[in-house]
Amino acid sequence: KNTASSYYTLSEFLDKIKETQKNKDNKTIILYTHDKNEQHSYVNAATNKGYEVLELSGPLVSHLISKLESTNTDIQFVRVDGDSIDKLIDKGDDAVSKLDEKQQKKLQEMIQSEVDKSIYTVQTQNMSSDDLPILITQSEFMRRMKEQQQLSGGGMQMFGDMPESYNVIVNTNHDLVSKIISEKNKKKRVAIIKQIFDLALLSHGMLKGEKLTSFVERSVSLIK
């Protein structure tokens, strides 16, 4: 079933997406979500590009899609929060960044200094200016390995015992990101970073407890 609640067999779905969802390596990319409401911003980014997204949930999903990929080597399943949409279905058309290499490195260092380095790795990407300023993503491979290990209860302990880790994808072409570079006042710059980072966490369902309260209070103070 796709996110529009239409049902397909695998062959029907592959026929539907074969023209639009092929990457530069000629693989057909099947996008999926475990919860279309929880991952709405990621699903929306995909459907805005005209892509189809399947709804796949349950403890056996990672095993199922790994099996399907092993028997159909020209397809690949990727969850919508695995990377930016242009990287999930990489057509090889790289956007040009507003920022030069030096500015991107400086930006990366600024944001990395404000997040937990043991959990988050900051990366820059040249995305559309209409895309979100920051995305929180998680490696498809690592997430699958952890899920499969947790389900089996044994084997692959190296994956199951590893702490959760995420990528912070910074959109170098977003106006708010450019503002981080141009802002001379450190306090204001840090406030922008915290706000857009928390917005990214919120869209990923990861902003809770004390951090959520701080975000709400900060948001109210910005509106005043």
C-alpha atoms as a PDB file:
ATOM      1  CA  LYS A   1       0.000   0.000   0.000  1.00  0.00           C
ATOM      2  CA  ASN A   2       1.296   3.473  -0.824  1.00  0.00           C
ATOM      3  CA  THR A   3       0.752   6.596   1.270  1.00  0.00           C
ATOM      4  CA  ALA A   4      -2.326   7.452  -0.817  1.00  0.00           C
ATOM      5  CA  SER A   5      -3.840   4.096   0.312  1.00  0.00           C
ATOM      6  CA  SER A   6      -3.617   2.477  -3.135  1.00  0.00           C
ATOM      7  CA  TYR A   7      -2.724  -1.224  -3.179  1.00  0.00           C
ATOM      8  CA  TYR A   8      -0.309  -2.873  -5.641  1.00  0.00           C
ATOM      9  CA  THR A   9       1.470  -6.133  -6.183  1.00  0.00           C
ATOM     10  CA  LEU A  10       5.252  -5.738  -6.259  1.00  0.00           C
ATOM     11  CA  SER A  11       5.349  -6.091 -10.052  1.00  0.00           C
ATOM     12  CA  GLU A  12       2.567  -3.507 -10.466  1.00  0.00           C
ATOM     13  CA  PHE A  13       4.345  -1.045  -8.204  1.00  0.00           C
ATOM     14  CA  LEU A  14       7.690  -1.517  -9.965  1.00  0.00           C
ATOM     15  CA  ASP A  15       5.978  -0.901 -13.304  1.00  0.00           C
ATOM     16  CA  LYS A  16       4.458   2.308 -11.912  1.00  0.00           C
ATOM     17  CA  ILE A  17       7.770   3.764 -10.696  1.00  0.00           C
ATOM     18  CA  LYS A  18      10.220   2.328 -13.225  1.00  0.00           C
ATOM     19  CA  GLU A  19      10.570   5.587 -15.177  1.00  0.00           C
ATOM     20  CA  THR A  20      10.659   8.118 -12.348  1.00  0.00           C
ATOM     21  CA  GLN A  21      12.482   6.306  -9.530  1.00  0.00           C
ATOM     22  CA  LYS A  22      15.612   5.057 -11.246  1.00  0.00           C
ATOM     23  CA  ASN A  23      18.915   6.374  -9.924  1.00  0.00           C
ATOM     24  CA  LYS A  24      22.099   7.137 -11.858  1.00  0.00           C
ATOM     25  CA  ASP A  25      23.169   3.475 -11.481  1.00  0.00           C
ATOM     26  CA  ASN A  26      19.931   2.340 -13.159  1.00  0.00           C
ATOM     27  CA  LYS A  27      18.541   0.833  -9.956  1.00  0.00           C
ATOM     28  CA  THR A  28      14.853   1.271  -9.189  1.00  0.00           C
ATOM     29  CA  ILE A  29      14.548   2.896  -5.761  1.00  0.00           C
ATOM     30  CA  ILE A  30      11.543   1.926  -3.660  1.00  0.00           C
ATOM     31  CA  LEU A  31      10.865   4.565  -1.032  1.00  0.00           C
ATOM     32  CA  TYR A  32       9.034   3.539   2.105  1.00  0.00           C
ATOM     33  CA  THR A  33       7.910   4.868   5.471  1.00  0.00           C
ATOM     34  CA  HIS A  34       7.053   3.052   8.684  1.00  0.00           C
ATOM     35  CA  ASP A  35       4.574   5.797   9.618  1.00  0.00           C
ATOM     36  CA  LYS A  36       3.379   8.411   7.116  1.00  0.00           C
ATOM     37  CA  ASN A  37       2.213  10.790   9.850  1.00  0.00           C
ATOM     38  CA  GLU A  38       5.324  10.573  12.014  1.00  0.00           C
ATOM     39  CA  GLN A  39       7.560  10.969   8.939  1.00  0.00           C
ATOM     40  CA  HIS A  40       5.273  13.408   7.128  1.00  0.00           C
ATOM     41  CA  SER A  41       7.965  15.974   6.244  1.00  0.00           C
ATOM     42  CA  TYR A  42      10.109  13.256   4.638  1.00  0.00           C
ATOM     43  CA  VAL A  43       7.149  11.714   2.796  1.00  0.00           C
ATOM     44  CA  ASN A  44       6.108  15.189   1.642  1.00  0.00           C
ATOM     45  CA  ALA A  45       9.580  15.893   0.246  1.00  0.00           C
ATOM     46  CA  ALA A  46       9.320  12.693  -1.808  1.00  0.00           C
ATOM     47  CA  THR A  47       5.774  13.176  -3.080  1.00  0.00           C
ATOM     48  CA  ASN A  48       6.557  16.785  -4.015  1.00  0.00           C
ATOM     49  CA  LYS A  49       9.112  15.331  -6.421  1.00  0.00           C
ATOM     50  CA  GLY A  50       6.409  13.084  -7.891  1.00  0.00           C
ATOM     51  CA  TYR A  51       7.746   9.955  -6.179  1.00  0.00           C
ATOM     52  CA  GLU A  52       5.648   7.138  -4.731  1.00  0.00           C
ATOM     53  CA  VAL A  53       6.144   6.048  -1.119  1.00  0.00           C
ATOM     54  CA  LEU A  54       5.085   2.695   0.321  1.00  0.00           C
ATOM     55  CA  GLU A  55       3.854   2.163   3.862  1.00  0.00           C
ATOM     56  CA  LEU A  56       5.771  -0.733   5.410  1.00  0.00           C
ATOM     57  CA  SER A  57       5.602  -1.352   9.138  1.00  0.00           C
ATOM     58  CA  GLY A  58       6.139  -4.210  11.543  1.00  0.00           C
ATOM     59  CA  PRO A  59       9.065  -6.139  13.032  1.00  0.00           C
ATOM     60  CA  LEU A  60       9.693  -8.212   9.911  1.00  0.00           C
ATOM     61  CA  VAL A  61      10.031  -5.327   7.438  1.00  0.00           C
ATOM     62  CA  SER A  62      13.853  -5.208   7.424  1.00  0.00           C
ATOM     63  CA  HIS A  63      14.037  -8.968   6.822  1.00  0.00           C
ATOM     64  CA  LEU A  64      11.371  -8.781   4.087  1.00  0.00           C
ATOM     65  CA  ILE A  65      12.996  -6.001   2.105  1.00  0.00           C
ATOM     66  CA  SER A  66      16.462  -7.547   2.418  1.00  0.00           C
ATOM     67  CA  LYS A  67      15.017 -10.779   0.997  1.00  0.00           C
ATOM     68  CA  LEU A  68      13.327  -8.924  -1.875  1.00  0.00           C
ATOM     69  CA  GLU A  69      16.559  -7.076  -2.693  1.00  0.00           C
ATOM     70  CA  SER A  70      18.536 -10.334  -2.735  1.00  0.00           C
ATOM     71  CA  THR A  71      16.153 -11.873  -5.266  1.00  0.00           C
ATOM     72  CA  ASN A  72      15.722  -8.660  -7.313  1.00  0.00           C
ATOM     73  CA  THR A  73      19.178  -7.130  -7.631  1.00  0.00           C
ATOM     74  CA  ASP A  74      17.957  -4.200  -9.749  1.00  0.00           C
ATOM     75  CA  ILE A  75      15.828  -2.752  -6.935  1.00  0.00           C
ATOM     76  CA  GLN A  76      16.714  -1.082  -3.637  1.00  0.00           C
ATOM     77  CA  PHE A  77      14.483  -0.175  -0.690  1.00  0.00           C
ATOM     78  CA  VAL A  78      15.282   3.022   1.217  1.00  0.00           C
ATOM     79  CA  ARG A  79      13.296   4.600   4.030  1.00  0.00           C
ATOM     80  CA  VAL A  80      12.386   8.231   3.447  1.00  0.00           C
ATOM     81  CA  ASP A  81      14.423   9.429   6.436  1.00  0.00           C
ATOM     82  CA  GLY A  82      17.622   7.723   5.245  1.00  0.00           C
ATOM     83  CA  ASP A  83      18.994  10.837   3.511  1.00  0.00           C
ATOM     84  CA  SER A  84      17.846  13.920   1.621  1.00  0.00           C
ATOM     85  CA  ILE A  85      15.438  12.992  -1.161  1.00  0.00           C
ATOM     86  CA  ASP A  86      17.940  13.945  -3.880  1.00  0.00           C
ATOM     87  CA  LYS A  87      20.459  11.507  -2.387  1.00  0.00           C
ATOM     88  CA  LEU A  88      17.932   8.723  -1.825  1.00  0.00           C
ATOM     89  CA  ILE A  89      17.206   8.755  -5.547  1.00  0.00           C
ATOM     90  CA  ASP A  90      20.484  10.112  -6.832  1.00  0.00           C
ATOM     91  CA  LYS A  91      20.083  11.178 -10.451  1.00  0.00           C
ATOM     92  CA  GLY A  92      23.628  12.519 -10.575  1.00  0.00           C
ATOM     93  CA  ASP A  93      22.408  16.111 -10.929  1.00  0.00           C
ATOM     94  CA  ASP A  94      24.333  17.976  -8.234  1.00  0.00           C
ATOM     95  CA  ALA A  95      22.992  21.386  -7.272  1.00  0.00           C
ATOM     96  CA  VAL A  96      25.335  24.362  -7.011  1.00  0.00           C
ATOM     97  CA  SER A  97      25.890  25.733  -3.508  1.00  0.00           C
ATOM     98  CA  LYS A  98      25.536  29.385  -2.525  1.00  0.00           C
ATOM     99  CA  LEU A  99      28.470  28.833  -0.169  1.00  0.00           C
ATOM    100  CA  ASP A 100      32.063  28.220  -1.150  1.00  0.00           C
ATOM    101  CA  GLU A 101      34.115  25.370   0.296  1.00  0.00           C
ATOM    102  CA  LYS A 102      35.582  27.503   3.082  1.00  0.00           C
ATOM    103  CA  GLN A 103      32.147  28.741   4.158  1.00  0.00           C
ATOM    104  CA  GLN A 104      30.752  25.212   4.143  1.00  0.00           C
ATOM    105  CA  LYS A 105      33.560  23.980   6.375  1.00  0.00           C
ATOM    106  CA  LYS A 106      33.014  26.896   8.765  1.00  0.00           C
ATOM    107  CA  LEU A 107      29.271  26.226   8.804  1.00  0.00           C
ATOM    108  CA  GLN A 108      29.838  22.541   9.537  1.00  0.00           C
ATOM    109  CA  GLU A 109      32.117  23.393  12.468  1.00  0.00           C
ATOM    110  CA  MET A 110      29.653  25.962  13.863  1.00  0.00           C
ATOM    111  CA  ILE A 111      26.764  23.501  13.915  1.00  0.00           C
ATOM    112  CA  GLN A 112      28.826  20.522  15.073  1.00  0.00           C
ATOM    113  CA  SER A 113      29.949  22.538  18.107  1.00  0.00           C
ATOM    114  CA  GLU A 114      26.296  22.962  19.191  1.00  0.00           C
ATOM    115  CA  VAL A 115      25.184  19.300  18.920  1.00  0.00           C
ATOM    116  CA  ASP A 116      26.145  16.086  20.703  1.00  0.00           C
ATOM    117  CA  LYS A 117      29.123  14.729  18.737  1.00  0.00           C
ATOM    118  CA  SER A 118      28.600  11.220  20.103  1.00  0.00           C
ATOM    119  CA  ILE A 119      25.182  11.033  18.419  1.00  0.00           C
ATOM    120  CA  TYR A 120      25.152  13.511  15.525  1.00  0.00           C
ATOM    121  CA  THR A 121      27.496  13.923  12.568  1.00  0.00           C
ATOM    122  CA  VAL A 122      27.058  17.169  10.652  1.00  0.00           C
ATOM    123  CA  GLN A 123      27.270  17.124   6.848  1.00  0.00           C
ATOM    124  CA  THR A 124      26.559  19.790   4.255  1.00  0.00           C
ATOM    125  CA  GLN A 125      24.578  19.175   1.076  1.00  0.00           C
ATOM    126  CA  ASN A 126      23.687  21.379  -1.863  1.00  0.00           C
ATOM    127  CA  MET A 127      19.908  21.050  -1.836  1.00  0.00           C
ATOM    128  CA  SER A 128      17.088  23.176  -3.187  1.00  0.00           C
ATOM    129  CA  SER A 129      16.462  26.480  -1.404  1.00  0.00           C
ATOM    130  CA  ASP A 130      12.856  25.257  -0.946  1.00  0.00           C
ATOM    131  CA  ASP A 131      13.998  22.211   1.043  1.00  0.00           C
ATOM    132  CA  LEU A 132      14.271  22.338   4.831  1.00  0.00           C
ATOM    133  CA  PRO A 133      17.390  24.006   6.300  1.00  0.00           C
ATOM    134  CA  ILE A 134      18.354  20.895   8.294  1.00  0.00           C
ATOM    135  CA  LEU A 135      17.367  17.226   8.073  1.00  0.00           C
ATOM    136  CA  ILE A 136      17.985  14.465  10.600  1.00  0.00           C
ATOM    137  CA  THR A 137      18.702  11.186   8.834  1.00  0.00           C
ATOM    138  CA  GLN A 138      19.864   7.700   9.762  1.00  0.00           C
ATOM    139  CA  SER A 139      21.870   5.222   7.707  1.00  0.00           C
ATOM    140  CA  GLU A 140      19.593   2.637   6.068  1.00  0.00           C
ATOM    141  CA  PHE A 141      22.216  -0.080   6.478  1.00  0.00           C
ATOM    142  CA  MET A 142      22.910   0.528  10.178  1.00  0.00           C
ATOM    143  CA  ARG A 143      19.224   0.858  11.062  1.00  0.00           C
ATOM    144  CA  ARG A 144      18.362  -2.392   9.293  1.00  0.00           C
ATOM    145  CA  MET A 145      21.194  -4.288  10.957  1.00  0.00           C
ATOM    146  CA  LYS A 146      20.124  -3.057  14.397  1.00  0.00           C
ATOM    147  CA  GLU A 147      16.481  -3.950  13.750  1.00  0.00           C
ATOM    148  CA  GLN A 148      17.353  -7.429  12.530  1.00  0.00           C
ATOM    149  CA  GLN A 149      19.669  -8.059  15.486  1.00  0.00           C
ATOM    150  CA  GLN A 150      17.044  -6.889  17.977  1.00  0.00           C
ATOM    151  CA  LEU A 151      14.455  -9.184  16.385  1.00  0.00           C
ATOM    152  CA  SER A 152      16.706 -12.235  16.273  1.00  0.00           C
ATOM    153  CA  GLY A 153      18.045 -11.738  19.786  1.00  0.00           C
ATOM    154  CA  GLY A 154      21.478 -12.968  18.775  1.00  0.00           C
ATOM    155  CA  GLY A 155      24.202 -12.567  16.185  1.00  0.00           C
ATOM    156  CA  MET A 156      25.354  -9.246  14.765  1.00  0.00           C
ATOM    157  CA  GLN A 157      25.919  -7.988  18.320  1.00  0.00           C
ATOM    158  CA  MET A 158      28.295  -5.375  16.953  1.00  0.00           C
ATOM    159  CA  PHE A 159      25.282  -3.616  15.403  1.00  0.00           C
ATOM    160  CA  GLY A 160      22.741  -4.192  18.164  1.00  0.00           C
ATOM    161  CA  ASP A 161      25.068  -2.870  20.864  1.00  0.00           C
ATOM    162  CA  MET A 162      26.059   0.280  18.987  1.00  0.00           C
ATOM    163  CA  PRO A 163      24.430   3.506  20.226  1.00  0.00           C
ATOM    164  CA  GLU A 164      21.986   5.294  17.963  1.00  0.00           C
ATOM    165  CA  SER A 165      23.721   7.663  15.551  1.00  0.00           C
ATOM    166  CA  TYR A 166      22.282  10.187  13.134  1.00  0.00           C
ATOM    167  CA  ASN A 167      23.410  12.473  10.347  1.00  0.00           C
ATOM    168  CA  VAL A 168      22.585  16.176  10.434  1.00  0.00           C
ATOM    169  CA  ILE A 169      22.213  17.248   6.811  1.00  0.00           C
ATOM    170  CA  VAL A 170      22.612  21.012   6.416  1.00  0.00           C
ATOM    171  CA  ASN A 171      21.117  22.606   3.305  1.00  0.00           C
ATOM    172  CA  THR A 172      23.756  25.071   2.078  1.00  0.00           C
ATOM    173  CA  ASN A 173      21.230  26.832  -0.176  1.00  0.00           C
ATOM    174  CA  HIS A 174      18.657  27.718   2.482  1.00  0.00           C
ATOM    175  CA  ASP A 175      18.405  31.377   3.508  1.00  0.00           C
ATOM    176  CA  LEU A 176      18.444  30.550   7.234  1.00  0.00           C
ATOM    177  CA  VAL A 177      21.670  28.599   6.799  1.00  0.00           C
ATOM    178  CA  SER A 178      23.241  31.562   4.981  1.00  0.00           C
ATOM    179  CA  LYS A 179      22.148  33.698   7.930  1.00  0.00           C
ATOM    180  CA  ILE A 180      24.194  31.515  10.298  1.00  0.00           C
ATOM    181  CA  ILE A 181      27.329  32.347   8.300  1.00  0.00           C
ATOM    182  CA  SER A 182      26.577  36.074   8.047  1.00  0.00           C
ATOM    183  CA  GLU A 183      25.456  36.610  11.662  1.00  0.00           C
ATOM    184  CA  LYS A 184      28.286  38.289  13.618  1.00  0.00           C
ATOM    185  CA  ASN A 185      26.597  38.135  17.017  1.00  0.00           C
ATOM    186  CA  LYS A 186      27.475  34.729  18.499  1.00  0.00           C
ATOM    187  CA  LYS A 187      24.431  34.599  20.784  1.00  0.00           C
ATOM    188  CA  LYS A 188      22.063  35.232  17.878  1.00  0.00           C
ATOM    189  CA  ARG A 189      23.958  32.753  15.679  1.00  0.00           C
ATOM    190  CA  VAL A 190      23.730  29.996  18.301  1.00  0.00           C
ATOM    191  CA  ALA A 191      20.014  30.733  18.769  1.00  0.00           C
ATOM    192  CA  ILE A 192      19.412  30.240  15.031  1.00  0.00           C
ATOM    193  CA  ILE A 193      21.361  26.974  15.044  1.00  0.00           C
ATOM    194  CA  LYS A 194      19.466  25.656  18.082  1.00  0.00           C
ATOM    195  CA  GLN A 195      16.114  26.651  16.613  1.00  0.00           C
ATOM    196  CA  ILE A 196      16.526  25.026  13.201  1.00  0.00           C
ATOM    197  CA  PHE A 197      18.194  21.965  14.739  1.00  0.00           C
ATOM    198  CA  ASP A 198      15.284  21.527  17.144  1.00  0.00           C
ATOM    199  CA  LEU A 199      12.834  21.963  14.255  1.00  0.00           C
ATOM    200  CA  ALA A 200      14.626  19.110  12.491  1.00  0.00           C
ATOM    201  CA  LEU A 201      14.439  16.960  15.632  1.00  0.00           C
ATOM    202  CA  LEU A 202      10.744  17.822  15.969  1.00  0.00           C
ATOM    203  CA  SER A 203       9.987  16.750  12.395  1.00  0.00           C
ATOM    204  CA  HIS A 204      11.774  13.455  13.117  1.00  0.00           C
ATOM    205  CA  GLY A 205       9.794  12.890  16.322  1.00  0.00           C
ATOM    206  CA  MET A 206      12.952  13.190  18.427  1.00  0.00           C
ATOM    207  CA  LEU A 207      12.261  16.357  20.420  1.00  0.00           C
ATOM    208  CA  LYS A 208      10.864  15.418  23.813  1.00  0.00           C
ATOM    209  CA  GLY A 209      10.898  16.276  27.494  1.00  0.00           C
ATOM    210  CA  GLU A 210      13.130  19.111  28.648  1.00  0.00           C
ATOM    211  CA  LYS A 211      14.426  19.790  25.123  1.00  0.00           C
ATOM    212  CA  LEU A 212      10.876  20.196  23.820  1.00  0.00           C
ATOM    213  CA  THR A 213      10.058  22.605  26.641  1.00  0.00           C
ATOM    214  CA  SER A 214      13.195  24.654  25.877  1.00  0.00           C
ATOM    215  CA  PHE A 215      12.235  24.750  22.193  1.00  0.00           C
ATOM    216  CA  VAL A 216       8.711  25.994  22.983  1.00  0.00           C
ATOM    217  CA  GLU A 217      10.029  28.676  25.353  1.00  0.00           C
ATOM    218  CA  ARG A 218      12.628  29.793  22.796  1.00  0.00           C
ATOM    219  CA  SER A 219       9.979  29.909  20.065  1.00  0.00           C
ATOM    220  CA  VAL A 220       7.724  32.096  22.217  1.00  0.00           C
ATOM    221  CA  SER A 221      10.595  34.486  22.968  1.00  0.00           C
ATOM    222  CA  LEU A 222      11.371  34.796  19.244  1.00  0.00           C
ATOM    223  CA  ILE A 223       7.759  35.719  18.483  1.00  0.00           C
ATOM    224  CA  LYS A 224       7.598  38.429  21.175  1.00  0.00           C
END
